[in-house]
Each structure stands twice: as C-alpha cells, then as structure tokens.
Amino acid sequence: MNNQFSAEEILDIAVRMEVEGEKFYKAAAEIVDDPSTKKFLLDLANWEDSHRQLFSKMREEISLGNKDYLCDLDGDAMKYLVAIVKQDIFEFEHRLPTFKKTTEPMEILQLAFGFEKDTIAYFVGLGELVVSDLAKSKIDVIVREEMSHARMISEHIEELKRNK
C-alpha cells in the first residue's frame, strides 16, 4: 500500500466530501417542513457546492505544479485515515437510516452538525501529519470553511431553541 498522500489526493477527498454534503443538505431540505430551516439547508447545499468548486480549483492549481507529498504515514496513523475514508464521513447513504426517521428541524441540524464535525476532525487530524507548507495551507483553508458551516448550523440550532 502506498502510504503517501499528495496535496491533489487531499483535495480530491475534500471535493468528494463537499459533494456528499450537498446531497445531504438538499435531501434534508426536501423533508423538513420549517421554512426557515428549509432555506438554511438549501443555503448550506449551495455553500457546499461553492466549496467543491473552490477545492476543485485548488486541486487544478496544484496539478499544474509538482507533486507536493505529505509525510509518509505508517502504522496506526495510516490505518486511522483509511478507516475514516471508508466510513460514513464520505457517504451520505450511511446516514440515511437515521436521516429517514425524522423530519424535525432540530434533529436534521444535529445530523448536519455531526457531518461537519466529522469532516473537520478528518482534516484537522490530517493537518497534524503534514510536512509540506503548500499542502498545509490547503488543508487550513478546508478546515476554516468547514468550521464556518458548523458555526452556522450551531447558530441555527440555537435560534430554533429560542423560538420554541
């Protein structure tokens, strides 16, 4: 097994995560009744799409230059990253059983918050293993973007609590 990730591969993962996030938010908007939450979820879907475009552009920029490898990952660190890649952090379909059981805005937003939290955890963990300044800067952008999603979701959850 190749135990290296290039900056391109990191951005491919980011693109895939944004696509899954967009699918999640669009599906959630279809089932929730609360107009404010529906609009917010559609906004999140649009932001995911704009992040996908940003990460795709970043990937193109890197692919025009040389491969900028991150540190070599052995043992548990590599197993951890592979395990995350294989889990529901990427696949919206893994969250469907829980997702289909509710149309409550609060529960849907809590699922969304979990999705964003998982995404942040992946990139923060990976950022700790980076040796390349270029790759580190790209991961930092990703983390900041996902943190902004989590913050907005949390604010919307608090707004729903106040309006109950």
N, C-alpha and C. Protein backbone atom coordinates (compact mmCIF):
# COMPACT_ATOMS: atom_id res chain seq x y z
N MET A 1 0.83 -1.18 0.00
CA MET A 1 0.00 0.00 0.00
C MET A 1 0.88 1.24 0.00
N ASN A 2 0.52 2.20 -0.83
CA ASN A 2 1.24 3.47 -0.86
C ASN A 2 0.80 4.28 0.35
N ASN A 3 1.74 4.61 1.20
CA ASN A 3 1.42 5.33 2.43
C ASN A 3 1.73 6.82 2.32
N GLN A 4 1.49 7.39 1.16
CA GLN A 4 1.66 8.82 0.98
C GLN A 4 0.40 9.40 0.38
N PHE A 5 0.09 10.62 0.78
CA PHE A 5 -0.99 11.37 0.19
C PHE A 5 -0.39 12.60 -0.46
N SER A 6 -0.77 12.87 -1.69
CA SER A 6 -0.36 14.12 -2.31
C SER A 6 -1.39 15.19 -1.99
N ALA A 7 -1.02 16.43 -2.17
CA ALA A 7 -1.97 17.53 -1.99
C ALA A 7 -3.16 17.34 -2.92
N GLU A 8 -2.92 16.81 -4.12
CA GLU A 8 -4.02 16.54 -5.06
C GLU A 8 -5.01 15.55 -4.47
N GLU A 9 -4.51 14.49 -3.85
CA GLU A 9 -5.39 13.48 -3.27
C GLU A 9 -6.19 14.05 -2.10
N ILE A 10 -5.57 14.89 -1.30
CA ILE A 10 -6.27 15.53 -0.19
C ILE A 10 -7.42 16.37 -0.74
N LEU A 11 -7.18 17.08 -1.82
CA LEU A 11 -8.23 17.92 -2.39
C LEU A 11 -9.28 17.09 -3.10
N ASP A 12 -8.91 15.95 -3.66
CA ASP A 12 -9.92 15.03 -4.22
C ASP A 12 -10.88 14.58 -3.12
N ILE A 13 -10.34 14.28 -1.95
CA ILE A 13 -11.17 13.87 -0.81
C ILE A 13 -12.08 15.03 -0.40
N ALA A 14 -11.54 16.24 -0.36
CA ALA A 14 -12.35 17.41 0.00
C ALA A 14 -13.51 17.60 -0.98
N VAL A 15 -13.23 17.45 -2.26
CA VAL A 15 -14.28 17.57 -3.27
C VAL A 15 -15.37 16.53 -3.03
N ARG A 16 -14.96 15.31 -2.79
CA ARG A 16 -15.92 14.23 -2.55
C ARG A 16 -16.77 14.51 -1.30
N MET A 17 -16.15 15.03 -0.26
CA MET A 17 -16.88 15.35 0.95
C MET A 17 -17.90 16.46 0.71
N GLU A 18 -17.53 17.45 -0.08
CA GLU A 18 -18.45 18.55 -0.38
C GLU A 18 -19.63 18.05 -1.22
N VAL A 19 -19.38 17.15 -2.15
CA VAL A 19 -20.47 16.57 -2.95
C VAL A 19 -21.45 15.83 -2.04
N GLU A 20 -20.92 15.04 -1.11
CA GLU A 20 -21.78 14.30 -0.18
C GLU A 20 -22.54 15.27 0.73
N GLY A 21 -21.89 16.32 1.17
CA GLY A 21 -22.57 17.32 2.00
C GLY A 21 -23.70 17.99 1.25
N GLU A 22 -23.46 18.34 0.01
CA GLU A 22 -24.50 18.96 -0.81
C GLU A 22 -25.70 18.02 -0.96
N LYS A 23 -25.44 16.74 -1.22
CA LYS A 23 -26.53 15.76 -1.33
C LYS A 23 -27.33 15.69 -0.03
N PHE A 24 -26.62 15.66 1.08
CA PHE A 24 -27.28 15.59 2.38
C PHE A 24 -28.18 16.79 2.59
N TYR A 25 -27.66 17.99 2.37
CA TYR A 25 -28.44 19.20 2.64
C TYR A 25 -29.64 19.33 1.71
N LYS A 26 -29.49 18.96 0.46
CA LYS A 26 -30.63 19.01 -0.47
C LYS A 26 -31.71 18.02 -0.07
N ALA A 27 -31.31 16.81 0.30
CA ALA A 27 -32.28 15.80 0.73
C ALA A 27 -32.98 16.25 2.02
N ALA A 28 -32.23 16.84 2.94
CA ALA A 28 -32.81 17.31 4.19
C ALA A 28 -33.81 18.43 3.93
N ALA A 29 -33.49 19.32 3.03
CA ALA A 29 -34.40 20.43 2.70
C ALA A 29 -35.72 19.92 2.12
N GLU A 30 -35.66 18.79 1.44
CA GLU A 30 -36.87 18.22 0.86
C GLU A 30 -37.83 17.67 1.91
N ILE A 31 -37.31 17.22 3.04
CA ILE A 31 -38.19 16.57 4.02
C ILE A 31 -38.58 17.46 5.20
N VAL A 32 -37.87 18.54 5.42
CA VAL A 32 -38.18 19.39 6.58
C VAL A 32 -39.31 20.35 6.21
N ASP A 33 -40.19 20.60 7.18
CA ASP A 33 -41.34 21.48 6.94
C ASP A 33 -41.07 22.94 7.29
N ASP A 34 -40.23 23.17 8.28
CA ASP A 34 -39.96 24.53 8.75
C ASP A 34 -39.32 25.36 7.64
N PRO A 35 -39.98 26.44 7.19
CA PRO A 35 -39.46 27.24 6.06
C PRO A 35 -38.07 27.83 6.31
N SER A 36 -37.81 28.29 7.54
CA SER A 36 -36.51 28.87 7.86
C SER A 36 -35.40 27.82 7.75
N THR A 37 -35.66 26.64 8.29
CA THR A 37 -34.67 25.56 8.24
C THR A 37 -34.49 25.07 6.81
N LYS A 38 -35.58 24.97 6.05
CA LYS A 38 -35.50 24.56 4.65
C LYS A 38 -34.58 25.50 3.87
N LYS A 39 -34.80 26.82 4.04
CA LYS A 39 -33.96 27.80 3.35
C LYS A 39 -32.50 27.67 3.79
N PHE A 40 -32.29 27.52 5.08
CA PHE A 40 -30.93 27.38 5.61
C PHE A 40 -30.23 26.16 5.03
N LEU A 41 -30.95 25.03 4.95
CA LEU A 41 -30.36 23.81 4.40
C LEU A 41 -30.03 23.99 2.92
N LEU A 42 -30.88 24.68 2.19
CA LEU A 42 -30.58 24.94 0.77
C LEU A 42 -29.38 25.88 0.64
N ASP A 43 -29.27 26.84 1.56
CA ASP A 43 -28.08 27.71 1.57
C ASP A 43 -26.82 26.87 1.82
N LEU A 44 -26.91 25.95 2.79
CA LEU A 44 -25.76 25.08 3.08
C LEU A 44 -25.40 24.25 1.84
N ALA A 45 -26.40 23.74 1.15
CA ALA A 45 -26.13 22.96 -0.08
C ALA A 45 -25.39 23.83 -1.09
N ASN A 46 -25.82 25.08 -1.24
CA ASN A 46 -25.14 25.98 -2.18
C ASN A 46 -23.72 26.28 -1.73
N TRP A 47 -23.51 26.43 -0.42
CA TRP A 47 -22.16 26.69 0.09
C TRP A 47 -21.27 25.47 -0.13
N GLU A 48 -21.85 24.28 0.06
CA GLU A 48 -21.07 23.06 -0.22
C GLU A 48 -20.63 23.04 -1.68
N ASP A 49 -21.54 23.41 -2.56
CA ASP A 49 -21.19 23.44 -3.98
C ASP A 49 -20.10 24.47 -4.25
N SER A 50 -20.18 25.63 -3.63
CA SER A 50 -19.13 26.64 -3.85
C SER A 50 -17.80 26.18 -3.27
N HIS A 51 -17.85 25.45 -2.15
CA HIS A 51 -16.61 24.89 -1.58
C HIS A 51 -16.05 23.81 -2.50
N ARG A 52 -16.93 23.00 -3.07
CA ARG A 52 -16.48 21.98 -4.04
C ARG A 52 -15.75 22.65 -5.20
N GLN A 53 -16.32 23.75 -5.67
CA GLN A 53 -15.67 24.47 -6.76
C GLN A 53 -14.32 25.04 -6.32
N LEU A 54 -14.27 25.57 -5.11
CA LEU A 54 -13.00 26.11 -4.58
C LEU A 54 -11.95 25.01 -4.49
N PHE A 55 -12.32 23.86 -3.93
CA PHE A 55 -11.37 22.78 -3.76
C PHE A 55 -10.96 22.20 -5.12
N SER A 56 -11.89 22.16 -6.07
CA SER A 56 -11.54 21.70 -7.42
C SER A 56 -10.52 22.64 -8.07
N LYS A 57 -10.72 23.93 -7.87
CA LYS A 57 -9.78 24.91 -8.43
C LYS A 57 -8.41 24.78 -7.76
N MET A 58 -8.41 24.61 -6.44
CA MET A 58 -7.15 24.44 -5.72
C MET A 58 -6.42 23.20 -6.23
N ARG A 59 -7.17 22.14 -6.49
CA ARG A 59 -6.57 20.91 -6.99
C ARG A 59 -5.96 21.13 -8.37
N GLU A 60 -6.67 21.85 -9.22
CA GLU A 60 -6.13 22.14 -10.56
C GLU A 60 -4.83 22.94 -10.47
N GLU A 61 -4.81 23.91 -9.56
CA GLU A 61 -3.60 24.73 -9.38
C GLU A 61 -2.41 23.86 -8.98
N ILE A 62 -2.65 22.93 -8.06
CA ILE A 62 -1.58 22.06 -7.60
C ILE A 62 -1.14 21.11 -8.71
N SER A 63 -2.11 20.60 -9.47
CA SER A 63 -1.75 19.63 -10.51
C SER A 63 -0.92 20.25 -11.63
N LEU A 64 -0.95 21.55 -11.74
CA LEU A 64 -0.11 22.22 -12.74
C LEU A 64 1.36 22.27 -12.31
N GLY A 65 1.59 22.11 -11.01
CA GLY A 65 2.96 22.12 -10.48
C GLY A 65 3.43 20.72 -10.18
N ASN A 66 4.40 20.63 -9.31
CA ASN A 66 4.93 19.31 -8.95
C ASN A 66 4.08 18.65 -7.87
N LYS A 67 4.22 17.36 -7.71
CA LYS A 67 3.54 16.65 -6.63
C LYS A 67 4.16 17.10 -5.32
N ASP A 68 3.32 17.50 -4.43
CA ASP A 68 3.78 18.00 -3.14
C ASP A 68 3.35 17.01 -2.08
N TYR A 69 4.22 16.04 -1.76
CA TYR A 69 3.82 14.96 -0.87
C TYR A 69 3.81 15.38 0.59
N LEU A 70 2.83 14.81 1.26
CA LEU A 70 2.75 14.95 2.70
C LEU A 70 3.67 13.92 3.31
N CYS A 71 3.70 13.89 4.63
CA CYS A 71 4.57 12.94 5.29
C CYS A 71 4.15 11.50 4.98
N ASP A 72 5.09 10.62 5.10
CA ASP A 72 4.83 9.20 4.93
C ASP A 72 4.09 8.71 6.17
N LEU A 73 2.99 8.04 5.96
CA LEU A 73 2.14 7.62 7.07
C LEU A 73 2.25 6.13 7.27
N ASP A 74 2.67 5.72 8.44
CA ASP A 74 2.80 4.29 8.74
C ASP A 74 1.96 3.94 9.95
N GLY A 75 1.68 2.67 10.07
CA GLY A 75 1.04 2.13 11.27
C GLY A 75 -0.34 2.67 11.54
N ASP A 76 -0.60 3.01 12.80
CA ASP A 76 -1.92 3.41 13.24
C ASP A 76 -2.43 4.68 12.55
N ALA A 77 -1.55 5.63 12.29
CA ALA A 77 -1.99 6.87 11.64
C ALA A 77 -2.59 6.58 10.27
N MET A 78 -1.93 5.74 9.51
CA MET A 78 -2.45 5.41 8.19
C MET A 78 -3.73 4.60 8.31
N LYS A 79 -3.78 3.66 9.24
CA LYS A 79 -4.98 2.86 9.44
C LYS A 79 -6.16 3.74 9.84
N TYR A 80 -5.90 4.74 10.66
CA TYR A 80 -6.94 5.68 11.08
C TYR A 80 -7.52 6.42 9.88
N LEU A 81 -6.65 6.96 9.04
CA LEU A 81 -7.11 7.71 7.87
C LEU A 81 -7.87 6.82 6.90
N VAL A 82 -7.38 5.63 6.67
CA VAL A 82 -8.07 4.69 5.78
C VAL A 82 -9.44 4.34 6.35
N ALA A 83 -9.50 4.11 7.66
CA ALA A 83 -10.78 3.78 8.30
C ALA A 83 -11.78 4.92 8.14
N ILE A 84 -11.34 6.14 8.31
CA ILE A 84 -12.24 7.29 8.15
C ILE A 84 -12.73 7.37 6.72
N VAL A 85 -11.83 7.20 5.78
CA VAL A 85 -12.22 7.27 4.37
C VAL A 85 -13.29 6.24 4.05
N LYS A 86 -13.22 5.09 4.67
CA LYS A 86 -14.17 4.01 4.39
C LYS A 86 -15.49 4.17 5.13
N GLN A 87 -15.56 5.08 6.08
CA GLN A 87 -16.76 5.22 6.90
C GLN A 87 -17.70 6.29 6.34
N ASP A 88 -18.72 6.58 7.10
CA ASP A 88 -19.80 7.45 6.66
C ASP A 88 -19.40 8.91 6.51
N ILE A 89 -18.21 9.26 6.85
CA ILE A 89 -17.79 10.64 6.69
C ILE A 89 -17.93 11.09 5.23
N PHE A 90 -17.84 10.14 4.30
CA PHE A 90 -17.96 10.48 2.88
C PHE A 90 -19.29 10.11 2.27
N GLU A 91 -19.92 9.11 2.78
CA GLU A 91 -21.08 8.56 2.11
C GLU A 91 -22.38 8.94 2.81
N PHE A 92 -23.16 9.78 2.16
CA PHE A 92 -24.45 10.20 2.67
C PHE A 92 -25.35 9.00 2.93
N GLU A 93 -25.25 7.98 2.10
CA GLU A 93 -26.11 6.81 2.22
C GLU A 93 -25.96 6.11 3.57
N HIS A 94 -24.80 6.18 4.19
CA HIS A 94 -24.61 5.57 5.51
C HIS A 94 -25.46 6.27 6.58
N ARG A 95 -25.80 7.52 6.36
CA ARG A 95 -26.59 8.28 7.33
C ARG A 95 -28.09 8.17 7.07
N LEU A 96 -28.49 7.55 5.97
CA LEU A 96 -29.90 7.50 5.60
C LEU A 96 -30.80 6.85 6.64
N PRO A 97 -30.43 5.73 7.28
CA PRO A 97 -31.36 5.15 8.26
C PRO A 97 -31.77 6.14 9.35
N THR A 98 -30.82 6.88 9.90
CA THR A 98 -31.13 7.89 10.91
C THR A 98 -31.87 9.05 10.29
N PHE A 99 -31.43 9.47 9.15
CA PHE A 99 -31.98 10.62 8.45
C PHE A 99 -33.45 10.42 8.10
N LYS A 100 -33.81 9.23 7.64
CA LYS A 100 -35.18 8.96 7.20
C LYS A 100 -36.17 8.88 8.36
N LYS A 101 -35.70 8.78 9.58
CA LYS A 101 -36.59 8.63 10.73
C LYS A 101 -37.14 9.97 11.23
N THR A 102 -36.69 11.08 10.70
CA THR A 102 -37.10 12.37 11.25
C THR A 102 -37.35 13.40 10.17
N THR A 103 -38.28 14.29 10.48
CA THR A 103 -38.46 15.50 9.68
C THR A 103 -38.32 16.71 10.59
N GLU A 104 -37.92 16.45 11.83
CA GLU A 104 -37.76 17.52 12.81
C GLU A 104 -36.51 18.35 12.48
N PRO A 105 -36.67 19.66 12.35
CA PRO A 105 -35.53 20.52 12.02
C PRO A 105 -34.34 20.36 12.96
N MET A 106 -34.63 20.26 14.27
CA MET A 106 -33.54 20.15 15.25
C MET A 106 -32.73 18.88 15.03
N GLU A 107 -33.40 17.77 14.81
CA GLU A 107 -32.69 16.50 14.61
C GLU A 107 -31.90 16.52 13.30
N ILE A 108 -32.47 17.08 12.27
CA ILE A 108 -31.77 17.16 10.98
C ILE A 108 -30.52 18.03 11.12
N LEU A 109 -30.66 19.15 11.82
CA LEU A 109 -29.50 20.03 12.00
C LEU A 109 -28.44 19.38 12.88
N GLN A 110 -28.86 18.57 13.84
CA GLN A 110 -27.88 17.85 14.65
C GLN A 110 -27.13 16.82 13.80
N LEU A 111 -27.82 16.16 12.88
CA LEU A 111 -27.13 15.26 11.94
C LEU A 111 -26.15 16.06 11.07
N ALA A 112 -26.60 17.22 10.61
CA ALA A 112 -25.74 18.07 9.78
C ALA A 112 -24.50 18.51 10.56
N PHE A 113 -24.70 18.88 11.83
CA PHE A 113 -23.57 19.29 12.66
C PHE A 113 -22.57 18.14 12.80
N GLY A 114 -23.09 16.92 12.99
CA GLY A 114 -22.22 15.75 13.08
C GLY A 114 -21.43 15.53 11.80
N PHE A 115 -22.07 15.73 10.67
CA PHE A 115 -21.39 15.59 9.38
C PHE A 115 -20.24 16.58 9.28
N GLU A 116 -20.51 17.84 9.64
CA GLU A 116 -19.47 18.86 9.58
C GLU A 116 -18.37 18.58 10.59
N LYS A 117 -18.75 18.12 11.78
CA LYS A 117 -17.76 17.81 12.82
C LYS A 117 -16.83 16.69 12.37
N ASP A 118 -17.40 15.65 11.74
CA ASP A 118 -16.58 14.56 11.22
C ASP A 118 -15.61 15.05 10.16
N THR A 119 -16.10 15.91 9.31
CA THR A 119 -15.27 16.47 8.24
C THR A 119 -14.11 17.26 8.84
N ILE A 120 -14.41 18.09 9.81
CA ILE A 120 -13.37 18.89 10.47
C ILE A 120 -12.35 17.97 11.14
N ALA A 121 -12.84 16.96 11.84
CA ALA A 121 -11.93 16.03 12.53
C ALA A 121 -10.96 15.38 11.55
N TYR A 122 -11.46 14.98 10.39
CA TYR A 122 -10.60 14.35 9.39
C TYR A 122 -9.49 15.30 8.97
N PHE A 123 -9.86 16.51 8.62
CA PHE A 123 -8.85 17.43 8.10
C PHE A 123 -7.92 17.97 9.18
N VAL A 124 -8.41 18.16 10.38
CA VAL A 124 -7.51 18.59 11.46
C VAL A 124 -6.50 17.49 11.74
N GLY A 125 -6.98 16.24 11.80
CA GLY A 125 -6.07 15.12 12.03
C GLY A 125 -5.04 15.00 10.94
N LEU A 126 -5.48 15.13 9.72
CA LEU A 126 -4.56 15.04 8.61
C LEU A 126 -3.57 16.21 8.61
N GLY A 127 -4.07 17.38 8.98
CA GLY A 127 -3.20 18.55 9.05
C GLY A 127 -2.05 18.39 10.03
N GLU A 128 -2.27 17.60 11.07
CA GLU A 128 -1.22 17.35 12.05
C GLU A 128 -0.08 16.51 11.46
N LEU A 129 -0.34 15.80 10.38
CA LEU A 129 0.65 14.92 9.78
C LEU A 129 1.37 15.54 8.58
N VAL A 130 1.02 16.77 8.27
CA VAL A 130 1.54 17.42 7.06
C VAL A 130 2.96 17.93 7.26
N VAL A 131 3.78 17.73 6.26
CA VAL A 131 5.13 18.32 6.29
C VAL A 131 5.28 19.43 5.25
N SER A 132 4.43 19.45 4.27
CA SER A 132 4.51 20.42 3.19
C SER A 132 3.75 21.70 3.52
N ASP A 133 4.39 22.85 3.36
CA ASP A 133 3.72 24.13 3.60
C ASP A 133 2.55 24.34 2.64
N LEU A 134 2.72 23.96 1.39
CA LEU A 134 1.65 24.12 0.41
C LEU A 134 0.44 23.27 0.78
N ALA A 135 0.66 22.02 1.08
CA ALA A 135 -0.44 21.14 1.46
C ALA A 135 -1.08 21.62 2.76
N LYS A 136 -0.28 22.05 3.72
CA LYS A 136 -0.80 22.55 4.99
C LYS A 136 -1.70 23.75 4.76
N SER A 137 -1.31 24.66 3.89
CA SER A 137 -2.13 25.84 3.63
C SER A 137 -3.47 25.45 3.01
N LYS A 138 -3.47 24.46 2.15
CA LYS A 138 -4.71 24.00 1.53
C LYS A 138 -5.62 23.33 2.55
N ILE A 139 -5.05 22.54 3.43
CA ILE A 139 -5.84 21.89 4.47
C ILE A 139 -6.40 22.94 5.43
N ASP A 140 -5.62 23.96 5.75
CA ASP A 140 -6.10 25.02 6.64
C ASP A 140 -7.32 25.72 6.04
N VAL A 141 -7.32 25.96 4.74
CA VAL A 141 -8.48 26.57 4.07
C VAL A 141 -9.70 25.67 4.23
N ILE A 142 -9.51 24.39 4.01
CA ILE A 142 -10.61 23.43 4.13
C ILE A 142 -11.17 23.45 5.54
N VAL A 143 -10.32 23.40 6.53
CA VAL A 143 -10.77 23.39 7.93
C VAL A 143 -11.57 24.65 8.24
N ARG A 144 -11.08 25.81 7.84
CA ARG A 144 -11.79 27.06 8.11
C ARG A 144 -13.17 27.08 7.44
N GLU A 145 -13.25 26.58 6.22
CA GLU A 145 -14.53 26.53 5.51
C GLU A 145 -15.52 25.63 6.25
N GLU A 146 -15.07 24.46 6.67
CA GLU A 146 -15.96 23.53 7.36
C GLU A 146 -16.33 24.04 8.75
N MET A 147 -15.43 24.73 9.41
CA MET A 147 -15.76 25.32 10.71
C MET A 147 -16.84 26.38 10.56
N SER A 148 -16.81 27.11 9.46
CA SER A 148 -17.86 28.12 9.26
C SER A 148 -19.21 27.44 9.09
N HIS A 149 -19.26 26.29 8.43
CA HIS A 149 -20.51 25.55 8.31
C HIS A 149 -21.01 25.13 9.70
N ALA A 150 -20.13 24.54 10.48
CA ALA A 150 -20.51 24.06 11.81
C ALA A 150 -21.02 25.21 12.68
N ARG A 151 -20.35 26.36 12.62
CA ARG A 151 -20.77 27.52 13.39
C ARG A 151 -22.17 27.97 12.98
N MET A 152 -22.42 28.04 11.68
CA MET A 152 -23.74 28.47 11.21
C MET A 152 -24.83 27.48 11.60
N ILE A 153 -24.53 26.20 11.54
CA ILE A 153 -25.50 25.18 11.96
C ILE A 153 -25.80 25.34 13.44
N SER A 154 -24.77 25.51 14.25
CA SER A 154 -24.96 25.70 15.68
C SER A 154 -25.81 26.92 15.97
N GLU A 155 -25.56 28.00 15.27
CA GLU A 155 -26.35 29.22 15.45
C GLU A 155 -27.82 28.98 15.08
N HIS A 156 -28.06 28.22 14.02
CA HIS A 156 -29.44 27.93 13.63
C HIS A 156 -30.12 27.03 14.66
N ILE A 157 -29.40 26.08 15.20
CA ILE A 157 -29.95 25.23 16.26
C ILE A 157 -30.35 26.10 17.45
N GLU A 158 -29.49 27.02 17.85
CA GLU A 158 -29.79 27.91 18.98
C GLU A 158 -31.01 28.78 18.67
N GLU A 159 -31.12 29.23 17.44
CA GLU A 159 -32.29 30.04 17.04
C GLU A 159 -33.57 29.21 17.16
N LEU A 160 -33.53 27.96 16.73
CA LEU A 160 -34.69 27.09 16.86
C LEU A 160 -35.07 26.88 18.32
N LYS A 161 -34.07 26.72 19.18
CA LYS A 161 -34.33 26.54 20.61
C LYS A 161 -35.01 27.79 21.19
N ARG A 162 -34.54 28.96 20.80
CA ARG A 162 -35.13 30.21 21.31
C ARG A 162 -36.57 30.40 20.84
N ASN A 163 -36.88 29.91 19.66
CA ASN A 163 -38.21 30.10 19.09
C ASN A 163 -39.22 29.04 19.48
N LYS A 164 -38.81 28.09 20.29
CA LYS A 164 -39.74 27.02 20.73
C LYS A 164 -40.67 27.52 21.79
